[in-house]
Amino acid sequence: MTLLEVKNMLNILMEYENCDITHTIPGLLNLFYSKNSQTFEIIILSTGEVVDCYNWDEACEILHKIINLSQNKV
């Protein structure tokens, strides 16, 4: 997944902040945006680890890194 695709995914979550949307990349992660706390929550499915990102840039960087690391393992 390219960095542009990651950015678009985050933008969609922020644009529809009044809805509950969870992006799922099967076998890898769930991504959710909380309007109340204005944070992105990333749940890594293999470990159950929850990563809270407090801004858009941080979320982009972490997501892009996780996705690229998983693609390199294949």
N, C-alpha and C. Protein backbone atom coordinates (compact mmCIF):
# COMPACT_ATOMS: atom_id res chain seq x y z
N MET A 1 0.85 -1.17 0.00
CA MET A 1 0.00 0.00 0.00
C MET A 1 0.90 1.23 0.00
N THR A 2 0.61 2.16 -0.88
CA THR A 2 1.44 3.35 -0.99
C THR A 2 1.10 4.34 0.13
N LEU A 3 1.99 5.29 0.33
CA LEU A 3 1.76 6.33 1.33
C LEU A 3 0.51 7.14 0.98
N LEU A 4 0.29 7.39 -0.30
CA LEU A 4 -0.90 8.12 -0.73
C LEU A 4 -2.18 7.37 -0.37
N GLU A 5 -2.18 6.05 -0.54
CA GLU A 5 -3.35 5.25 -0.17
C GLU A 5 -3.60 5.29 1.34
N VAL A 6 -2.53 5.27 2.12
CA VAL A 6 -2.65 5.36 3.58
C VAL A 6 -3.25 6.72 3.95
N LYS A 7 -2.75 7.78 3.34
CA LYS A 7 -3.27 9.12 3.62
C LYS A 7 -4.74 9.24 3.26
N ASN A 8 -5.13 8.66 2.13
CA ASN A 8 -6.54 8.69 1.74
C ASN A 8 -7.41 7.94 2.74
N MET A 9 -6.93 6.83 3.24
CA MET A 9 -7.68 6.04 4.22
C MET A 9 -7.91 6.86 5.49
N LEU A 10 -6.89 7.57 5.94
CA LEU A 10 -7.02 8.41 7.13
C LEU A 10 -7.94 9.59 6.89
N ASN A 11 -7.85 10.17 5.71
CA ASN A 11 -8.72 11.29 5.37
C ASN A 11 -10.19 10.89 5.38
N ILE A 12 -10.49 9.70 4.90
CA ILE A 12 -11.87 9.21 4.90
C ILE A 12 -12.39 9.10 6.33
N LEU A 13 -11.57 8.56 7.22
CA LEU A 13 -11.99 8.43 8.62
C LEU A 13 -12.27 9.79 9.24
N MET A 14 -11.45 10.77 8.94
CA MET A 14 -11.66 12.10 9.51
C MET A 14 -12.86 12.80 8.88
N GLU A 15 -13.06 12.59 7.60
CA GLU A 15 -14.18 13.22 6.89
C GLU A 15 -15.52 12.73 7.42
N TYR A 16 -15.59 11.46 7.75
CA TYR A 16 -16.83 10.86 8.24
C TYR A 16 -16.75 10.63 9.75
N GLU A 17 -16.25 11.62 10.47
CA GLU A 17 -16.01 11.48 11.90
C GLU A 17 -17.27 11.25 12.71
N ASN A 18 -18.44 11.57 12.17
CA ASN A 18 -19.69 11.35 12.89
C ASN A 18 -20.20 9.92 12.73
N CYS A 19 -19.49 9.12 11.96
CA CYS A 19 -19.85 7.72 11.75
C CYS A 19 -18.79 6.83 12.40
N ASP A 20 -19.16 5.63 12.71
CA ASP A 20 -18.19 4.66 13.22
C ASP A 20 -17.70 3.82 12.05
N ILE A 21 -16.50 4.11 11.60
CA ILE A 21 -15.90 3.38 10.49
C ILE A 21 -14.63 2.73 10.99
N THR A 22 -14.48 1.47 10.70
CA THR A 22 -13.25 0.75 11.01
C THR A 22 -12.69 0.20 9.71
N HIS A 23 -11.48 0.58 9.38
CA HIS A 23 -10.79 0.00 8.23
C HIS A 23 -10.08 -1.25 8.73
N THR A 24 -10.25 -2.34 8.01
CA THR A 24 -9.59 -3.58 8.38
C THR A 24 -8.70 -4.04 7.22
N ILE A 25 -7.47 -4.33 7.54
CA ILE A 25 -6.59 -5.00 6.59
C ILE A 25 -6.47 -6.42 7.14
N PRO A 26 -7.17 -7.37 6.49
CA PRO A 26 -7.28 -8.73 7.04
C PRO A 26 -5.94 -9.33 7.43
N GLY A 27 -5.94 -9.88 8.63
CA GLY A 27 -4.75 -10.53 9.16
C GLY A 27 -3.67 -9.57 9.62
N LEU A 28 -3.93 -8.27 9.52
CA LEU A 28 -2.89 -7.31 9.87
C LEU A 28 -3.33 -6.30 10.93
N LEU A 29 -4.36 -5.50 10.61
CA LEU A 29 -4.74 -4.46 11.56
C LEU A 29 -6.15 -3.96 11.36
N ASN A 30 -6.66 -3.31 12.40
CA ASN A 30 -7.90 -2.54 12.35
C ASN A 30 -7.52 -1.09 12.63
N LEU A 31 -8.19 -0.16 11.95
CA LEU A 31 -7.93 1.26 12.12
C LEU A 31 -9.24 1.97 12.38
N PHE A 32 -9.27 2.81 13.41
CA PHE A 32 -10.48 3.52 13.83
C PHE A 32 -10.10 4.95 14.18
N TYR A 33 -11.01 5.90 13.92
CA TYR A 33 -10.78 7.28 14.32
C TYR A 33 -11.81 7.66 15.37
N SER A 34 -11.35 8.20 16.49
CA SER A 34 -12.24 8.63 17.56
C SER A 34 -12.41 10.14 17.50
N LYS A 35 -13.64 10.56 17.24
CA LYS A 35 -13.93 11.99 17.19
C LYS A 35 -13.74 12.62 18.57
N ASN A 36 -14.17 11.92 19.61
CA ASN A 36 -14.09 12.48 20.96
C ASN A 36 -12.66 12.80 21.38
N SER A 37 -11.76 11.86 21.18
CA SER A 37 -10.37 12.08 21.60
C SER A 37 -9.50 12.61 20.46
N GLN A 38 -10.06 12.65 19.25
CA GLN A 38 -9.35 13.08 18.05
C GLN A 38 -8.05 12.31 17.86
N THR A 39 -8.16 10.99 18.03
CA THR A 39 -7.01 10.12 17.84
C THR A 39 -7.36 8.99 16.88
N PHE A 40 -6.33 8.48 16.25
CA PHE A 40 -6.46 7.27 15.45
C PHE A 40 -6.04 6.10 16.33
N GLU A 41 -6.78 5.02 16.26
CA GLU A 41 -6.44 3.82 17.03
C GLU A 41 -6.13 2.71 16.05
N ILE A 42 -4.95 2.14 16.18
CA ILE A 42 -4.52 1.02 15.34
C ILE A 42 -4.43 -0.20 16.23
N ILE A 43 -5.11 -1.27 15.85
CA ILE A 43 -5.03 -2.52 16.58
C ILE A 43 -4.31 -3.52 15.69
N ILE A 44 -3.16 -3.98 16.15
CA ILE A 44 -2.39 -4.97 15.40
C ILE A 44 -2.97 -6.34 15.74
N LEU A 45 -3.55 -6.99 14.76
CA LEU A 45 -4.33 -8.20 14.99
C LEU A 45 -3.49 -9.37 15.51
N SER A 46 -2.25 -9.49 15.07
CA SER A 46 -1.44 -10.65 15.47
C SER A 46 -1.06 -10.61 16.95
N THR A 47 -0.97 -9.41 17.52
CA THR A 47 -0.53 -9.29 18.91
C THR A 47 -1.60 -8.71 19.83
N GLY A 48 -2.61 -8.07 19.24
CA GLY A 48 -3.63 -7.39 20.04
C GLY A 48 -3.16 -6.04 20.55
N GLU A 49 -1.96 -5.64 20.16
CA GLU A 49 -1.41 -4.35 20.59
C GLU A 49 -2.26 -3.20 20.05
N VAL A 50 -2.52 -2.22 20.89
CA VAL A 50 -3.28 -1.03 20.50
C VAL A 50 -2.31 0.15 20.46
N VAL A 51 -2.28 0.82 19.33
CA VAL A 51 -1.41 1.98 19.15
C VAL A 51 -2.31 3.20 18.95
N ASP A 52 -2.21 4.17 19.84
CA ASP A 52 -2.96 5.42 19.71
C ASP A 52 -2.07 6.46 19.05
N CYS A 53 -2.58 7.06 17.99
CA CYS A 53 -1.85 8.09 17.27
C CYS A 53 -2.58 9.41 17.47
N TYR A 54 -1.86 10.40 17.94
CA TYR A 54 -2.49 11.65 18.34
C TYR A 54 -2.51 12.71 17.24
N ASN A 55 -1.96 12.38 16.09
CA ASN A 55 -2.09 13.30 14.95
C ASN A 55 -2.01 12.52 13.65
N TRP A 56 -2.42 13.18 12.60
CA TRP A 56 -2.53 12.56 11.27
C TRP A 56 -1.18 12.09 10.75
N ASP A 57 -0.15 12.92 10.90
CA ASP A 57 1.18 12.55 10.39
C ASP A 57 1.74 11.32 11.08
N GLU A 58 1.55 11.26 12.39
CA GLU A 58 2.02 10.11 13.16
C GLU A 58 1.30 8.83 12.71
N ALA A 59 0.00 8.93 12.52
CA ALA A 59 -0.78 7.77 12.07
C ALA A 59 -0.34 7.31 10.69
N CYS A 60 -0.10 8.25 9.78
CA CYS A 60 0.37 7.91 8.43
C CYS A 60 1.69 7.15 8.49
N GLU A 61 2.61 7.68 9.25
CA GLU A 61 3.94 7.07 9.34
C GLU A 61 3.88 5.66 9.93
N ILE A 62 3.15 5.50 11.01
CA ILE A 62 3.06 4.19 11.66
C ILE A 62 2.35 3.17 10.76
N LEU A 63 1.23 3.57 10.18
CA LEU A 63 0.49 2.66 9.30
C LEU A 63 1.34 2.24 8.10
N HIS A 64 1.98 3.19 7.48
CA HIS A 64 2.79 2.89 6.30
C HIS A 64 3.91 1.92 6.67
N LYS A 65 4.52 2.12 7.82
CA LYS A 65 5.61 1.24 8.28
C LYS A 65 5.09 -0.18 8.55
N ILE A 66 3.95 -0.29 9.25
CA ILE A 66 3.38 -1.61 9.56
C ILE A 66 3.03 -2.36 8.29
N ILE A 67 2.38 -1.66 7.37
CA ILE A 67 1.93 -2.30 6.13
C ILE A 67 3.12 -2.74 5.29
N ASN A 68 4.12 -1.88 5.16
CA ASN A 68 5.29 -2.24 4.36
C ASN A 68 6.09 -3.37 4.99
N LEU A 69 6.19 -3.40 6.32
CA LEU A 69 6.90 -4.51 6.98
C LEU A 69 6.18 -5.82 6.72
N SER A 70 4.85 -5.80 6.76
CA SER A 70 4.10 -7.03 6.53
C SER A 70 4.23 -7.50 5.08
N GLN A 71 4.29 -6.57 4.14
CA GLN A 71 4.44 -6.94 2.73
C GLN A 71 5.82 -7.50 2.44
N ASN A 72 6.82 -7.03 3.17
CA ASN A 72 8.19 -7.53 2.98
C ASN A 72 8.37 -8.94 3.53
N LYS A 73 7.50 -9.35 4.46
CA LYS A 73 7.58 -10.70 5.03
C LYS A 73 7.06 -11.75 4.07
N VAL A 74 6.24 -11.33 3.12
CA VAL A 74 5.62 -12.28 2.19
C VAL A 74 6.57 -12.68 1.11
